[in-house]
Amino acid sequence: QVHLVESGGGLVQAGGSLRLSCAASGRTFSSYAMGWFRQAPGKQRGFVAAVTKNGATTNYADSVKGRFTISRDNAKNTVYLQMNSLKPEDTAVYYCAARGGSSYPSQQEYQYNYWGQGTQVTVSS
């Protein structure tokens, strides 16, 4: 069982930056690949970024490549999402998720077992 709590969301102007954090409970954080997903108003939740258990390999949605960076600190049981050059279309609730079993940084939502409650990111134009 993993309990995930996101933080770091807020209101930012277009072109600005935010860093999201996701703190995990338990002592087995390093056993999970981690991902970030987002859901904009009126849209389905979609993949943003993911990272393997050891942090060596990452995977990004095309829409955020070159602007967002996912990383993790297994000693702190935390995964991060650094978001730069933010655009109004990045406005969404951002969720972190943990995937047990395979370390592959999957883009598939159904492959993640545990989810946080989400944090709102709003980018103004």
Protein backbone atom coordinates (compact mmCIF):
# COMPACT_ATOMS: atom_id res chain seq x y z
CA GLN A 1 0.00 0.00 0.00
CA VAL A 2 1.29 3.45 -0.95
CA HIS A 3 -0.27 6.75 0.06
CA LEU A 4 0.56 9.66 -2.25
CA VAL A 5 0.21 13.36 -1.51
CA GLU A 6 0.88 16.01 -4.17
CA SER A 7 1.86 19.60 -3.46
CA GLY A 8 3.27 22.62 -5.26
CA GLY A 9 0.39 23.54 -7.51
CA GLY A 10 -0.85 27.09 -7.89
CA LEU A 11 -1.45 30.02 -10.21
CA VAL A 12 1.35 31.11 -12.54
CA GLN A 13 1.61 33.32 -15.60
CA ALA A 14 2.36 31.86 -19.00
CA GLY A 15 6.09 31.33 -19.39
CA GLY A 16 6.56 30.74 -15.69
CA SER A 17 7.63 27.68 -13.75
CA LEU A 18 6.32 25.45 -11.00
CA ARG A 19 7.68 22.36 -9.28
CA LEU A 20 5.24 19.74 -8.15
CA SER A 21 6.14 17.25 -5.45
CA CYS A 22 4.55 13.94 -4.58
CA ALA A 23 5.39 12.47 -1.20
CA ALA A 24 4.84 8.76 -0.69
CA SER A 25 4.27 6.92 2.55
CA GLY A 26 5.80 3.57 3.33
CA ARG A 27 9.27 2.16 3.03
CA THR A 28 8.92 0.62 -0.42
CA PHE A 29 8.83 3.75 -2.57
CA SER A 30 11.79 2.54 -4.60
CA SER A 31 9.74 -0.51 -5.60
CA TYR A 32 7.41 1.61 -7.73
CA ALA A 33 7.72 3.29 -11.06
CA MET A 34 6.11 6.71 -10.75
CA GLY A 35 4.07 8.79 -13.11
CA TRP A 36 2.37 12.15 -13.43
CA PHE A 37 -0.98 12.57 -15.16
CA ARG A 38 -3.25 15.56 -15.59
CA GLN A 39 -6.91 16.29 -16.18
CA ALA A 40 -8.10 19.55 -17.66
CA PRO A 41 -11.71 20.69 -17.29
CA GLY A 42 -13.99 18.72 -19.57
CA LYS A 43 -11.21 16.38 -20.68
CA GLN A 44 -10.06 12.91 -19.81
CA ARG A 45 -7.07 12.40 -17.60
CA GLY A 46 -3.91 11.99 -19.65
CA PHE A 47 -0.27 11.04 -19.30
CA VAL A 48 2.38 13.66 -18.60
CA ALA A 49 5.59 11.92 -17.51
CA ALA A 50 6.92 8.80 -15.82
CA VAL A 51 10.14 7.52 -14.31
CA THR A 52 11.57 4.09 -13.55
CA LYS A 53 12.12 2.79 -10.03
CA ASN A 54 15.74 3.92 -9.93
CA GLY A 55 15.17 7.19 -11.77
CA ALA A 56 17.42 6.28 -14.67
CA THR A 57 14.82 6.29 -17.43
CA THR A 58 12.03 8.74 -18.10
CA ASN A 59 9.11 9.00 -20.50
CA TYR A 60 7.23 12.14 -21.54
CA ALA A 61 4.13 13.10 -23.42
CA ASP A 62 5.01 14.92 -26.63
CA SER A 63 3.20 18.03 -25.43
CA VAL A 64 5.60 18.52 -22.49
CA LYS A 65 8.92 17.27 -23.89
CA GLY A 66 11.67 19.83 -23.42
CA ARG A 67 9.60 21.81 -20.89
CA PHE A 68 8.87 19.35 -18.05
CA THR A 69 11.30 17.17 -16.13
CA ILE A 70 10.38 14.27 -13.87
CA SER A 71 12.78 13.14 -11.18
CA ARG A 72 12.72 11.22 -7.93
CA ASP A 73 14.58 11.04 -4.67
CA ASN A 74 14.15 7.57 -3.21
CA ALA A 75 15.80 8.60 0.05
CA LYS A 76 13.04 11.18 0.51
CA ASN A 77 10.22 9.02 -0.90
CA THR A 78 9.38 11.85 -3.28
CA VAL A 79 8.87 12.30 -7.00
CA TYR A 80 9.01 15.74 -8.63
CA LEU A 81 7.72 17.37 -11.76
CA GLN A 82 9.60 20.50 -12.76
CA MET A 83 7.45 22.47 -15.18
CA ASN A 84 9.02 25.30 -17.18
CA SER A 85 7.72 27.52 -19.98
CA LEU A 86 4.19 26.88 -18.83
CA LYS A 87 1.32 27.49 -21.23
CA PRO A 88 -2.38 28.10 -20.55
CA GLU A 89 -3.09 24.66 -22.01
CA ASP A 90 -1.09 23.13 -19.15
CA THR A 91 -3.89 24.17 -16.80
CA ALA A 92 -5.19 21.01 -15.12
CA VAL A 93 -5.33 19.00 -11.96
CA TYR A 94 -2.08 17.07 -11.75
CA TYR A 95 -1.98 13.60 -10.21
CA CYS A 96 0.94 11.42 -9.26
CA ALA A 97 0.64 7.67 -9.48
CA ALA A 98 2.63 4.62 -8.44
CA ARG A 99 3.06 1.48 -10.51
CA GLY A 100 3.96 -1.78 -8.82
CA GLY A 101 5.64 -4.68 -10.57
CA SER A 102 7.28 -3.59 -13.80
CA SER A 103 9.67 -0.65 -13.71
CA TYR A 104 8.69 0.47 -17.19
CA PRO A 105 7.60 4.14 -17.11
CA SER A 106 4.27 3.43 -18.74
CA GLN A 107 1.97 6.01 -20.29
CA GLN A 108 -1.03 3.80 -19.59
CA GLU A 109 -3.18 5.00 -16.71
CA TYR A 110 -4.61 1.54 -15.99
CA GLN A 111 -1.15 0.19 -15.17
CA TYR A 112 -0.82 2.42 -12.11
CA ASN A 113 -2.06 1.03 -8.82
CA TYR A 114 -2.07 4.02 -6.48
CA TRP A 115 -3.07 7.64 -7.00
CA GLY A 116 -2.80 10.89 -5.13
CA GLN A 117 -5.65 13.34 -4.67
CA GLY A 118 -4.31 15.84 -7.19
CA THR A 119 -3.05 19.41 -7.14
CA GLN A 120 -4.40 22.26 -9.26
CA VAL A 121 -2.13 24.07 -11.70
CA THR A 122 -3.54 27.17 -13.37
CA VAL A 123 -1.59 29.04 -16.04
CA SER A 124 -2.88 32.47 -16.94
CA SER A 125 -2.29 34.07 -20.33
